C-alpha cells in the first residue's frame, strides 16, 4: 500500500465502527467510512468533542451535526498548494487527502520530463491533481460535469497562486468531451481519471464504473499523443481491485506504446492504531520506468506491482 503520510495540516486521529476522526487544519470532523469495519474502543476525547459529526441516515444521505461554530470555509495547505475546505451537503469536504501520494508522484514525473507536458484531468473535482500538475510545469485541461466543482477548483488555483498557469477550465460530460477532443485532433501527453463508482446520465441512463471503465480507457487512449508520459486511474469502487485496473491499462496501452504499469492501494496513516486506513486504489501506465517515483520509500514487496513491461 502507498501511504499519503506527507501531510502536516491533515491527520486521521482514529477510525472505528464505520467512522473516522480527522483534523483538517485545526478543525476536528467525524465522518462515515465504509472501509472501517472494525469496532475498536473510541478512547480519544475528540470522539465526544469533535467540531462536527456527519450522521448517515438509514434511508440514505445524512446530515451534519455542528458542535462548534465553524468558518464557512477554511484553508488546508499541502506544500505550495492551498485548498478551500468546507463540509458539503453530503459527507465530503472538497478534498481527498489520500490523493496526495499521487500528486507527489505526478509532480516528480512531470518535473523529470524534459519537455512541456499537456495533461487531461477528467472527473477533476476541486482540482487537487490539476494544481499539482500545473505547479510542476504542465499545461492542464480540467474537466468536470459540475459547474460548482470547477468553480471551487478555480478558487483553489487562485489560493495557490496558480491563476496565471496554462489551465483550461471545462464544465462538461467527461466522455463526451473526450470524444470531441479526438474529433478536433487535440492530443495530450498525460491523462488523469477519477471517475465515480455510479451515476446517471441526462437521459436517466445508468453508469457503473465496473461496466464502463474498459471502454472509457479505450476512448481516452485515442487522445494520447504519439509520445505520452502517463495515464493514471483512481477508483473508490469496492471490488475493482488495483490489479484489475492495471490489467485494463496494460491491455489497452502497452501494445500500443510499450511502457510499464504499476498499481496498488492507497491509504492514510491512523495515529491511534499506528496502522493504515485503506482509501481506494490507483493504477498508472508510464512510458518510461517510474517505479521509484510511484512507490517512493514504501515496501514494494507487499504491493500489486506488475511491473508490466511491454516494450
C-alpha atoms as a PDB file:
ATOM      1  CA  UNK A   1       0.000   0.000   0.000  1.00  0.00           C
ATOM      2  CA  UNK A   2       1.142   3.542  -0.794  1.00  0.00           C
ATOM      3  CA  UNK A   3       0.529   5.833   2.166  1.00  0.00           C
ATOM      4  CA  UNK A   4      -0.166   9.580   1.956  1.00  0.00           C
ATOM      5  CA  UNK A   5       1.816  10.387   5.080  1.00  0.00           C
ATOM      6  CA  UNK A   6       3.296  13.694   3.953  1.00  0.00           C
ATOM      7  CA  UNK A   7       0.563  15.935   5.402  1.00  0.00           C
ATOM      8  CA  UNK A   8       1.214  18.451   8.163  1.00  0.00           C
ATOM      9  CA  UNK A   9      -2.208  20.106   8.489  1.00  0.00           C
ATOM     10  CA  UNK A  10      -4.358  16.994   7.931  1.00  0.00           C
ATOM     11  CA  UNK A  11      -4.440  13.956  10.272  1.00  0.00           C
ATOM     12  CA  UNK A  12      -6.547  10.852  10.801  1.00  0.00           C
ATOM     13  CA  UNK A  13      -6.675  10.532  14.583  1.00  0.00           C
ATOM     14  CA  UNK A  14      -8.688   7.306  14.839  1.00  0.00           C
ATOM     15  CA  UNK A  15     -11.122   5.063  12.947  1.00  0.00           C
ATOM     16  CA  UNK A  16     -13.739   2.716  14.371  1.00  0.00           C
ATOM     17  CA  UNK A  17     -17.280   1.390  13.854  1.00  0.00           C
ATOM     18  CA  UNK A  18     -17.791   2.819  10.381  1.00  0.00           C
ATOM     19  CA  UNK A  19     -16.361   6.272  11.126  1.00  0.00           C
ATOM     20  CA  UNK A  20     -13.078   8.190  11.031  1.00  0.00           C
ATOM     21  CA  UNK A  21     -11.970  11.047  13.275  1.00  0.00           C
ATOM     22  CA  UNK A  22      -9.940  13.670  11.414  1.00  0.00           C
ATOM     23  CA  UNK A  23      -8.222  17.022  11.933  1.00  0.00           C
ATOM     24  CA  UNK A  24      -8.457  19.427   8.996  1.00  0.00           C
ATOM     25  CA  UNK A  25      -6.026  22.246   9.811  1.00  0.00           C
ATOM     26  CA  UNK A  26      -7.313  22.565  13.350  1.00  0.00           C
ATOM     27  CA  UNK A  27     -10.947  21.604  12.693  1.00  0.00           C
ATOM     28  CA  UNK A  28     -11.998  18.174  14.008  1.00  0.00           C
ATOM     29  CA  UNK A  29     -14.572  16.192  11.998  1.00  0.00           C
ATOM     30  CA  UNK A  30     -16.170  12.749  12.320  1.00  0.00           C
ATOM     31  CA  UNK A  31     -17.266  11.260   9.023  1.00  0.00           C
ATOM     32  CA  UNK A  32     -18.592   7.865   7.854  1.00  0.00           C
ATOM     33  CA  UNK A  33     -16.197   5.490   6.100  1.00  0.00           C
ATOM     34  CA  UNK A  34     -17.437   2.173   4.650  1.00  0.00           C
ATOM     35  CA  UNK A  35     -13.959   0.627   4.924  1.00  0.00           C
ATOM     36  CA  UNK A  36     -13.939   0.908   8.722  1.00  0.00           C
ATOM     37  CA  UNK A  37     -15.411  -2.492   9.602  1.00  0.00           C
ATOM     38  CA  UNK A  38     -13.623  -2.861  12.953  1.00  0.00           C
ATOM     39  CA  UNK A  39     -15.140  -1.781  16.274  1.00  0.00           C
ATOM     40  CA  UNK A  40     -12.138  -0.840  18.394  1.00  0.00           C
ATOM     41  CA  UNK A  41     -12.643   1.285  21.551  1.00  0.00           C
ATOM     42  CA  UNK A  42     -13.061   5.017  20.870  1.00  0.00           C
ATOM     43  CA  UNK A  43     -10.672   6.250  23.557  1.00  0.00           C
ATOM     44  CA  UNK A  44      -9.647   9.625  22.136  1.00  0.00           C
ATOM     45  CA  UNK A  45     -11.549  12.529  23.742  1.00  0.00           C
ATOM     46  CA  UNK A  46     -12.203  14.106  20.342  1.00  0.00           C
ATOM     47  CA  UNK A  47     -14.760  11.406  19.551  1.00  0.00           C
ATOM     48  CA  UNK A  48     -17.013  13.208  22.029  1.00  0.00           C
ATOM     49  CA  UNK A  49     -15.732  16.731  21.385  1.00  0.00           C
ATOM     50  CA  UNK A  50     -15.289  16.973  17.613  1.00  0.00           C
ATOM     51  CA  UNK A  51     -16.351  20.251  15.992  1.00  0.00           C
ATOM     52  CA  UNK A  52     -18.752  18.491  13.607  1.00  0.00           C
ATOM     53  CA  UNK A  53     -20.140  14.984  13.070  1.00  0.00           C
ATOM     54  CA  UNK A  54     -21.774  13.700   9.889  1.00  0.00           C
ATOM     55  CA  UNK A  55     -24.553  11.224  10.719  1.00  0.00           C
ATOM     56  CA  UNK A  56     -25.589   8.899   7.929  1.00  0.00           C
ATOM     57  CA  UNK A  57     -29.316   8.215   7.625  1.00  0.00           C
ATOM     58  CA  UNK A  58     -30.644   4.655   7.357  1.00  0.00           C
ATOM     59  CA  UNK A  59     -32.812   5.849   4.454  1.00  0.00           C
ATOM     60  CA  UNK A  60     -29.848   7.300   2.556  1.00  0.00           C
ATOM     61  CA  UNK A  61     -27.903  10.525   2.744  1.00  0.00           C
ATOM     62  CA  UNK A  62     -27.413  12.134   6.132  1.00  0.00           C
ATOM     63  CA  UNK A  63     -26.723  15.453   7.824  1.00  0.00           C
ATOM     64  CA  UNK A  64     -24.056  17.338   9.765  1.00  0.00           C
ATOM     65  CA  UNK A  65     -24.290  17.946  13.497  1.00  0.00           C
ATOM     66  CA  UNK A  66     -22.250  21.067  14.243  1.00  0.00           C
ATOM     67  CA  UNK A  67     -20.985  21.180  17.828  1.00  0.00           C
ATOM     68  CA  UNK A  68     -18.913  24.337  17.297  1.00  0.00           C
ATOM     69  CA  UNK A  69     -19.268  27.374  15.062  1.00  0.00           C
ATOM     70  CA  UNK A  70     -17.101  26.704  12.022  1.00  0.00           C
ATOM     71  CA  UNK A  71     -15.940  29.193   9.392  1.00  0.00           C
ATOM     72  CA  UNK A  72     -17.884  28.963   6.168  1.00  0.00           C
ATOM     73  CA  UNK A  73     -14.627  27.790   4.549  1.00  0.00           C
ATOM     74  CA  UNK A  74     -11.037  27.411   5.669  1.00  0.00           C
ATOM     75  CA  UNK A  75      -7.708  26.548   4.016  1.00  0.00           C
ATOM     76  CA  UNK A  76      -5.747  23.314   4.071  1.00  0.00           C
ATOM     77  CA  UNK A  77      -2.148  23.612   2.765  1.00  0.00           C
ATOM     78  CA  UNK A  78      -0.115  20.888   1.091  1.00  0.00           C
ATOM     79  CA  UNK A  79       3.328  22.057   0.032  1.00  0.00           C
ATOM     80  CA  UNK A  80       2.868  25.034  -2.307  1.00  0.00           C
ATOM     81  CA  UNK A  81      -0.835  24.273  -2.767  1.00  0.00           C
ATOM     82  CA  UNK A  82      -3.785  25.553  -0.738  1.00  0.00           C
ATOM     83  CA  UNK A  83      -7.287  24.076  -0.786  1.00  0.00           C
ATOM     84  CA  UNK A  84     -10.563  25.527   0.411  1.00  0.00           C
ATOM     85  CA  UNK A  85     -12.318  23.134   2.815  1.00  0.00           C
ATOM     86  CA  UNK A  86     -15.966  23.147   3.824  1.00  0.00           C
ATOM     87  CA  UNK A  87     -18.462  20.449   4.867  1.00  0.00           C
ATOM     88  CA  UNK A  88     -20.827  19.788   1.962  1.00  0.00           C
ATOM     89  CA  UNK A  89     -24.417  18.528   1.971  1.00  0.00           C
ATOM     90  CA  UNK A  90     -23.020  15.030   1.708  1.00  0.00           C
ATOM     91  CA  UNK A  91     -20.161  13.835   3.922  1.00  0.00           C
ATOM     92  CA  UNK A  92     -17.390  15.308   1.761  1.00  0.00           C
ATOM     93  CA  UNK A  93     -15.217  18.376   2.410  1.00  0.00           C
ATOM     94  CA  UNK A  94     -13.963  19.190  -1.090  1.00  0.00           C
ATOM     95  CA  UNK A  95     -10.711  17.210  -0.915  1.00  0.00           C
ATOM     96  CA  UNK A  96      -9.499  13.610  -0.768  1.00  0.00           C
ATOM     97  CA  UNK A  97      -6.259  13.803   1.274  1.00  0.00           C
ATOM     98  CA  UNK A  98      -5.124  10.290   0.328  1.00  0.00           C
ATOM     99  CA  UNK A  99      -4.592  11.565  -3.226  1.00  0.00           C
ATOM    100  CA  UNK A 100      -1.526  13.498  -2.051  1.00  0.00           C
ATOM    101  CA  UNK A 101       0.520  10.374  -2.701  1.00  0.00           C
ATOM    102  CA  UNK A 102      -0.494  10.611  -6.367  1.00  0.00           C
ATOM    103  CA  UNK A 103       0.094  14.368  -6.534  1.00  0.00           C
ATOM    104  CA  UNK A 104       3.677  13.792  -5.395  1.00  0.00           C
ATOM    105  CA  UNK A 105       4.148  11.053  -7.999  1.00  0.00           C
ATOM    106  CA  UNK A 106       2.821  13.198 -10.855  1.00  0.00           C
ATOM    107  CA  UNK A 107       4.887  16.176  -9.727  1.00  0.00           C
ATOM    108  CA  UNK A 108       8.067  14.097  -9.847  1.00  0.00           C
ATOM    109  CA  UNK A 109       7.213  12.540 -13.203  1.00  0.00           C
ATOM    110  CA  UNK A 110       6.393  15.884 -14.870  1.00  0.00           C
ATOM    111  CA  UNK A 111       9.487  17.627 -13.491  1.00  0.00           C
ATOM    112  CA  UNK A 112      11.705  14.779 -14.711  1.00  0.00           C
ATOM    113  CA  UNK A 113      10.403  15.079 -18.290  1.00  0.00           C
ATOM    114  CA  UNK A 114      12.486  17.479 -20.360  1.00  0.00           C
ATOM    115  CA  UNK A 115       9.607  18.976 -22.324  1.00  0.00           C
ATOM    116  CA  UNK A 116       6.249  20.678 -21.809  1.00  0.00           C
ATOM    117  CA  UNK A 117       3.629  18.116 -20.755  1.00  0.00           C
ATOM    118  CA  UNK A 118      -0.074  18.576 -21.541  1.00  0.00           C
ATOM    119  CA  UNK A 119      -2.454  16.863 -19.115  1.00  0.00           C
ATOM    120  CA  UNK A 120      -6.139  15.963 -19.441  1.00  0.00           C
ATOM    121  CA  UNK A 121      -7.688  15.725 -15.955  1.00  0.00           C
ATOM    122  CA  UNK A 122     -11.116  14.048 -16.122  1.00  0.00           C
ATOM    123  CA  UNK A 123     -13.683  13.955 -13.299  1.00  0.00           C
ATOM    124  CA  UNK A 124     -11.320  16.547 -11.863  1.00  0.00           C
ATOM    125  CA  UNK A 125     -13.446  17.627  -8.859  1.00  0.00           C
ATOM    126  CA  UNK A 126     -11.902  20.568  -6.918  1.00  0.00           C
ATOM    127  CA  UNK A 127      -8.549  20.410  -8.672  1.00  0.00           C
ATOM    128  CA  UNK A 128      -6.048  18.558  -6.478  1.00  0.00           C
ATOM    129  CA  UNK A 129      -4.408  16.746  -9.403  1.00  0.00           C
ATOM    130  CA  UNK A 130      -4.821  19.732 -11.733  1.00  0.00           C
ATOM    131  CA  UNK A 131      -2.986  22.053  -9.344  1.00  0.00           C
ATOM    132  CA  UNK A 132      -0.232  19.514  -8.648  1.00  0.00           C
ATOM    133  CA  UNK A 133       0.430  19.130 -12.384  1.00  0.00           C
ATOM    134  CA  UNK A 134       0.224  22.863 -13.119  1.00  0.00           C
ATOM    135  CA  UNK A 135       2.555  23.625 -10.231  1.00  0.00           C
ATOM    136  CA  UNK A 136       5.048  21.115 -11.660  1.00  0.00           C
ATOM    137  CA  UNK A 137       5.064  22.931 -15.012  1.00  0.00           C
ATOM    138  CA  UNK A 138       2.408  21.129 -17.089  1.00  0.00           C
ATOM    139  CA  UNK A 139      -0.450  22.654 -19.040  1.00  0.00           C
ATOM    140  CA  UNK A 140      -3.764  21.137 -17.910  1.00  0.00           C
ATOM    141  CA  UNK A 141      -7.283  20.716 -19.236  1.00  0.00           C
ATOM    142  CA  UNK A 142      -9.504  20.360 -16.150  1.00  0.00           C
ATOM    143  CA  UNK A 143     -12.889  18.723 -16.896  1.00  0.00           C
ATOM    144  CA  UNK A 144     -15.812  18.068 -14.556  1.00  0.00           C
ATOM    145  CA  UNK A 145     -19.559  17.910 -15.149  1.00  0.00           C
ATOM    146  CA  UNK A 146     -20.294  20.044 -12.060  1.00  0.00           C
ATOM    147  CA  UNK A 147     -20.076  23.804 -12.556  1.00  0.00           C
ATOM    148  CA  UNK A 148     -19.759  24.258  -8.801  1.00  0.00           C
ATOM    149  CA  UNK A 149     -16.793  21.901  -8.542  1.00  0.00           C
ATOM    150  CA  UNK A 150     -14.980  23.602 -11.433  1.00  0.00           C
ATOM    151  CA  UNK A 151     -15.500  26.979  -9.759  1.00  0.00           C
ATOM    152  CA  UNK A 152     -14.163  25.547  -6.494  1.00  0.00           C
ATOM    153  CA  UNK A 153     -11.104  24.289  -8.373  1.00  0.00           C
ATOM    154  CA  UNK A 154     -10.521  27.733  -9.884  1.00  0.00           C
ATOM    155  CA  UNK A 155     -10.694  29.251  -6.413  1.00  0.00           C
ATOM    156  CA  UNK A 156      -8.134  26.692  -5.205  1.00  0.00           C
ATOM    157  CA  UNK A 157      -5.854  27.695  -8.078  1.00  0.00           C
ATOM    158  CA  UNK A 158      -6.127  31.336  -7.004  1.00  0.00           C
ATOM    159  CA  UNK A 159      -5.381  30.408  -3.381  1.00  0.00           C
ATOM    160  CA  UNK A 160      -2.292  28.545  -4.557  1.00  0.00           C
ATOM    161  CA  UNK A 161      -1.004  31.394  -6.720  1.00  0.00           C
ATOM    162  CA  UNK A 162      -1.588  29.409  -9.915  1.00  0.00           C
ATOM    163  CA  UNK A 163      -4.228  31.551 -11.652  1.00  0.00           C
ATOM    164  CA  UNK A 164      -1.766  32.508 -14.375  1.00  0.00           C
ATOM    165  CA  UNK A 165      -0.818  28.915 -15.195  1.00  0.00           C
ATOM    166  CA  UNK A 166      -1.993  27.363 -18.513  1.00  0.00           C
ATOM    167  CA  UNK A 167      -5.181  25.631 -17.284  1.00  0.00           C
ATOM    168  CA  UNK A 168      -8.392  25.262 -19.307  1.00  0.00           C
ATOM    169  CA  UNK A 169     -11.451  25.009 -17.031  1.00  0.00           C
ATOM    170  CA  UNK A 170     -14.182  22.933 -18.701  1.00  0.00           C
ATOM    171  CA  UNK A 171     -17.688  22.109 -17.445  1.00  0.00           C
ATOM    172  CA  UNK A 172     -18.782  19.103 -19.492  1.00  0.00           C
ATOM    173  CA  UNK A 173     -19.503  15.395 -19.538  1.00  0.00           C
ATOM    174  CA  UNK A 174     -16.039  13.829 -19.470  1.00  0.00           C
ATOM    175  CA  UNK A 175     -16.612  11.075 -22.010  1.00  0.00           C
ATOM    176  CA  UNK A 176     -18.428  13.298 -24.490  1.00  0.00           C
ATOM    177  CA  UNK A 177     -15.763  15.992 -24.161  1.00  0.00           C
ATOM    178  CA  UNK A 178     -13.001  13.441 -24.805  1.00  0.00           C
ATOM    179  CA  UNK A 179     -14.745  12.206 -27.951  1.00  0.00           C
ATOM    180  CA  UNK A 180     -14.999  15.794 -29.214  1.00  0.00           C
ATOM    181  CA  UNK A 181     -11.311  16.373 -28.448  1.00  0.00           C
ATOM    182  CA  UNK A 182     -10.487  13.327 -30.570  1.00  0.00           C
ATOM    183  CA  UNK A 183     -12.544  14.653 -33.485  1.00  0.00           C
ATOM    184  CA  UNK A 184     -10.876  18.050 -33.085  1.00  0.00           C
ATOM    185  CA  UNK A 185      -7.465  16.405 -33.285  1.00  0.00           C
ATOM    186  CA  UNK A 186      -6.370  17.622 -29.856  1.00  0.00           C
ATOM    187  CA  UNK A 187      -3.922  15.299 -28.091  1.00  0.00           C
ATOM    188  CA  UNK A 188      -2.486  15.071 -24.560  1.00  0.00           C
ATOM    189  CA  UNK A 189       0.730  13.697 -23.091  1.00  0.00           C
ATOM    190  CA  UNK A 190      -0.932  12.512 -19.874  1.00  0.00           C
ATOM    191  CA  UNK A 191      -4.414  11.592 -18.662  1.00  0.00           C
ATOM    192  CA  UNK A 192      -5.744  11.502 -15.107  1.00  0.00           C
ATOM    193  CA  UNK A 193      -9.090   9.866 -14.461  1.00  0.00           C
ATOM    194  CA  UNK A 194     -11.005   9.812 -11.153  1.00  0.00           C
ATOM    195  CA  UNK A 195     -14.439   8.512 -12.183  1.00  0.00           C
ATOM    196  CA  UNK A 196     -17.379   7.930  -9.822  1.00  0.00           C
ATOM    197  CA  UNK A 197     -18.500   4.409  -8.995  1.00  0.00           C
ATOM    198  CA  UNK A 198     -22.064   5.094 -10.073  1.00  0.00           C
ATOM    199  CA  UNK A 199     -24.007   7.794 -11.853  1.00  0.00           C
ATOM    200  CA  UNK A 200     -26.904   8.664 -14.132  1.00  0.00           C
ATOM    201  CA  UNK A 201     -26.728  10.455 -17.448  1.00  0.00           C
ATOM    202  CA  UNK A 202     -29.004  13.323 -18.548  1.00  0.00           C
ATOM    203  CA  UNK A 203     -31.374  10.773 -20.113  1.00  0.00           C
ATOM    204  CA  UNK A 204     -31.556   8.675 -16.945  1.00  0.00           C
ATOM    205  CA  UNK A 205     -29.096   6.082 -18.246  1.00  0.00           C
ATOM    206  CA  UNK A 206     -27.176   4.228 -15.520  1.00  0.00           C
ATOM    207  CA  UNK A 207     -23.374   4.463 -15.473  1.00  0.00           C
ATOM    208  CA  UNK A 208     -21.474   1.843 -13.454  1.00  0.00           C
ATOM    209  CA  UNK A 209     -17.699   2.042 -13.343  1.00  0.00           C
ATOM    210  CA  UNK A 210     -17.136  -1.721 -13.445  1.00  0.00           C
ATOM    211  CA  UNK A 211     -19.142  -1.959 -16.665  1.00  0.00           C
ATOM    212  CA  UNK A 212     -17.820   1.187 -18.341  1.00  0.00           C
ATOM    213  CA  UNK A 213     -14.182   1.539 -17.309  1.00  0.00           C
ATOM    214  CA  UNK A 214     -12.632  -0.506 -20.143  1.00  0.00           C
ATOM    215  CA  UNK A 215     -14.447   1.374 -22.918  1.00  0.00           C
ATOM    216  CA  UNK A 216     -13.698   4.681 -21.209  1.00  0.00           C
ATOM    217  CA  UNK A 217      -9.968   3.899 -21.088  1.00  0.00           C
ATOM    218  CA  UNK A 218     -10.029   2.947 -24.787  1.00  0.00           C
ATOM    219  CA  UNK A 219     -11.764   6.222 -25.651  1.00  0.00           C
ATOM    220  CA  UNK A 220      -9.237   8.230 -23.665  1.00  0.00           C
ATOM    221  CA  UNK A 221      -6.266   6.373 -25.137  1.00  0.00           C
ATOM    222  CA  UNK A 222      -7.203   7.783 -28.531  1.00  0.00           C
ATOM    223  CA  UNK A 223      -6.450  11.333 -27.372  1.00  0.00           C
ATOM    224  CA  UNK A 224      -2.946  10.479 -26.154  1.00  0.00           C
ATOM    225  CA  UNK A 225      -0.055  11.999 -28.071  1.00  0.00           C
ATOM    226  CA  UNK A 226       2.447   9.887 -30.009  1.00  0.00           C
ATOM    227  CA  UNK A 227       4.894  10.142 -27.102  1.00  0.00           C
ATOM    228  CA  UNK A 228       2.705  10.065 -23.959  1.00  0.00           C
ATOM    229  CA  UNK A 229       4.029  10.333 -20.425  1.00  0.00           C
ATOM    230  CA  UNK A 230       1.460   8.637 -18.177  1.00  0.00           C
ATOM    231  CA  UNK A 231      -2.169   7.546 -17.719  1.00  0.00           C
ATOM    232  CA  UNK A 232      -3.447   7.375 -14.134  1.00  0.00           C
ATOM    233  CA  UNK A 233      -6.759   5.963 -12.857  1.00  0.00           C
ATOM    234  CA  UNK A 234      -8.154   6.308  -9.333  1.00  0.00           C
ATOM    235  CA  UNK A 235     -11.007   4.187  -8.025  1.00  0.00           C
ATOM    236  CA  UNK A 236     -13.034   4.011  -4.819  1.00  0.00           C
ATOM    237  CA  UNK A 237     -15.250   1.236  -6.195  1.00  0.00           C
ATOM    238  CA  UNK A 238     -15.442  -1.821  -3.936  1.00  0.00           C
ATOM    239  CA  UNK A 239     -14.455  -4.898  -5.908  1.00  0.00           C
ATOM    240  CA  UNK A 240     -12.492  -3.053  -8.592  1.00  0.00           C
ATOM    241  CA  UNK A 241      -9.021  -4.048  -7.440  1.00  0.00           C
ATOM    242  CA  UNK A 242      -5.757  -2.276  -8.322  1.00  0.00           C
ATOM    243  CA  UNK A 243      -4.721  -5.287 -10.386  1.00  0.00           C
ATOM    244  CA  UNK A 244      -7.911  -5.164 -12.459  1.00  0.00           C
ATOM    245  CA  UNK A 245      -7.321  -1.501 -13.293  1.00  0.00           C
ATOM    246  CA  UNK A 246      -3.670  -2.257 -14.005  1.00  0.00           C
ATOM    247  CA  UNK A 247      -4.661  -5.067 -16.353  1.00  0.00           C
ATOM    248  CA  UNK A 248      -7.017  -2.758 -18.245  1.00  0.00           C
ATOM    249  CA  UNK A 249      -4.334  -0.099 -18.669  1.00  0.00           C
ATOM    250  CA  UNK A 250      -1.783  -2.690 -19.736  1.00  0.00           C
ATOM    251  CA  UNK A 251      -4.083  -4.342 -22.269  1.00  0.00           C
ATOM    252  CA  UNK A 252      -5.052  -1.010 -23.865  1.00  0.00           C
ATOM    253  CA  UNK A 253      -1.760   0.892 -23.726  1.00  0.00           C
ATOM    254  CA  UNK A 254       1.219  -1.445 -23.562  1.00  0.00           C
ATOM    255  CA  UNK A 255       0.774  -2.989 -27.005  1.00  0.00           C
ATOM    256  CA  UNK A 256       0.451   0.469 -28.465  1.00  0.00           C
ATOM    257  CA  UNK A 257       3.128   2.383 -26.548  1.00  0.00           C
ATOM    258  CA  UNK A 258       5.213  -0.155 -24.609  1.00  0.00           C
ATOM    259  CA  UNK A 259       5.981   1.118 -21.145  1.00  0.00           C
ATOM    260  CA  UNK A 260       5.164  -0.043 -17.629  1.00  0.00           C
ATOM    261  CA  UNK A 261       2.103  -0.493 -15.418  1.00  0.00           C
ATOM    262  CA  UNK A 262       2.045  -0.057 -11.624  1.00  0.00           C
ATOM    263  CA  UNK A 263      -0.928  -0.491  -9.320  1.00  0.00           C
ATOM    264  CA  UNK A 264      -1.643  -0.550  -5.608  1.00  0.00           C
ATOM    265  CA  UNK A 265      -3.982   0.530  -2.830  1.00  0.00           C
ATOM    266  CA  UNK A 266      -3.588   3.993  -1.332  1.00  0.00           C
ATOM    267  CA  UNK A 267      -4.232   4.904   2.294  1.00  0.00           C
ATOM    268  CA  UNK A 268      -3.850   7.289   5.210  1.00  0.00           C
ATOM    269  CA  UNK A 269      -1.970   6.687   8.480  1.00  0.00           C
ATOM    270  CA  UNK A 270      -4.121   6.379  11.618  1.00  0.00           C
ATOM    271  CA  UNK A 271      -2.451   7.857  14.694  1.00  0.00           C
ATOM    272  CA  UNK A 272      -4.210   5.884  17.458  1.00  0.00           C
ATOM    273  CA  UNK A 273      -3.529   2.444  15.968  1.00  0.00           C
ATOM    274  CA  UNK A 274      -0.345   3.099  14.001  1.00  0.00           C
ATOM    275  CA  UNK A 275      -1.958   1.283  11.080  1.00  0.00           C
ATOM    276  CA  UNK A 276      -3.220   2.475   7.693  1.00  0.00           C
ATOM    277  CA  UNK A 277      -6.785   3.221   6.621  1.00  0.00           C
ATOM    278  CA  UNK A 278      -7.385   1.944   3.043  1.00  0.00           C
ATOM    279  CA  UNK A 279      -8.772   4.693   0.810  1.00  0.00           C
ATOM    280  CA  UNK A 280      -9.120   3.254  -2.684  1.00  0.00           C
ATOM    281  CA  UNK A 281      -6.763   2.220  -5.448  1.00  0.00           C
ATOM    282  CA  UNK A 282      -4.573   3.682  -8.159  1.00  0.00           C
ATOM    283  CA  UNK A 283      -3.228   2.166 -11.361  1.00  0.00           C
ATOM    284  CA  UNK A 284      -0.848   4.009 -13.671  1.00  0.00           C
ATOM    285  CA  UNK A 285       0.745   3.366 -17.033  1.00  0.00           C
ATOM    286  CA  UNK A 286       4.056   5.141 -17.724  1.00  0.00           C
ATOM    287  CA  UNK A 287       6.036   5.401 -20.930  1.00  0.00           C
ATOM    288  CA  UNK A 288       9.299   5.045 -19.011  1.00  0.00           C
ATOM    289  CA  UNK A 289      10.246   3.114 -15.893  1.00  0.00           C
ATOM    290  CA  UNK A 290       8.985   5.086 -12.888  1.00  0.00           C
ATOM    291  CA  UNK A 291       8.956   2.608 -10.013  1.00  0.00           C
ATOM    292  CA  UNK A 292      10.888   4.879  -7.650  1.00  0.00           C
ATOM    293  CA  UNK A 293       8.515   7.784  -8.308  1.00  0.00           C
ATOM    294  CA  UNK A 294       5.424   5.624  -7.842  1.00  0.00           C
ATOM    295  CA  UNK A 295       6.407   3.737  -4.712  1.00  0.00           C
ATOM    296  CA  UNK A 296       8.798   6.205  -3.130  1.00  0.00           C
ATOM    297  CA  UNK A 297      10.127   4.660   0.077  1.00  0.00           C
ATOM    298  CA  UNK A 298       7.254   2.202   0.552  1.00  0.00           C
ATOM    299  CA  UNK A 299       7.875  -1.542   0.878  1.00  0.00           C
ATOM    300  CA  UNK A 300       7.454  -2.787  -2.683  1.00  0.00           C
ATOM    301  CA  UNK A 301       7.481  -6.459  -1.649  1.00  0.00           C
ATOM    302  CA  UNK A 302       3.893  -6.043  -0.379  1.00  0.00           C
ATOM    303  CA  UNK A 303       2.369  -4.430  -3.462  1.00  0.00           C
ATOM    304  CA  UNK A 304       0.430  -5.469  -6.548  1.00  0.00           C
ATOM    305  CA  UNK A 305       3.370  -4.299  -8.669  1.00  0.00           C
ATOM    306  CA  UNK A 306       3.491  -5.908 -12.097  1.00  0.00           C
ATOM    307  CA  UNK A 307       5.787  -4.298 -13.468  1.00  0.00           C
ATOM    308  CA  UNK A 308       4.041  -4.934 -16.721  1.00  0.00           C
ATOM    309  CA  UNK A 309       6.903  -4.138 -19.062  1.00  0.00           C
ATOM    310  CA  UNK A 310       5.524  -4.345 -22.561  1.00  0.00           C
ATOM    311  CA  UNK A 311       8.329  -2.736 -24.502  1.00  0.00           C
END
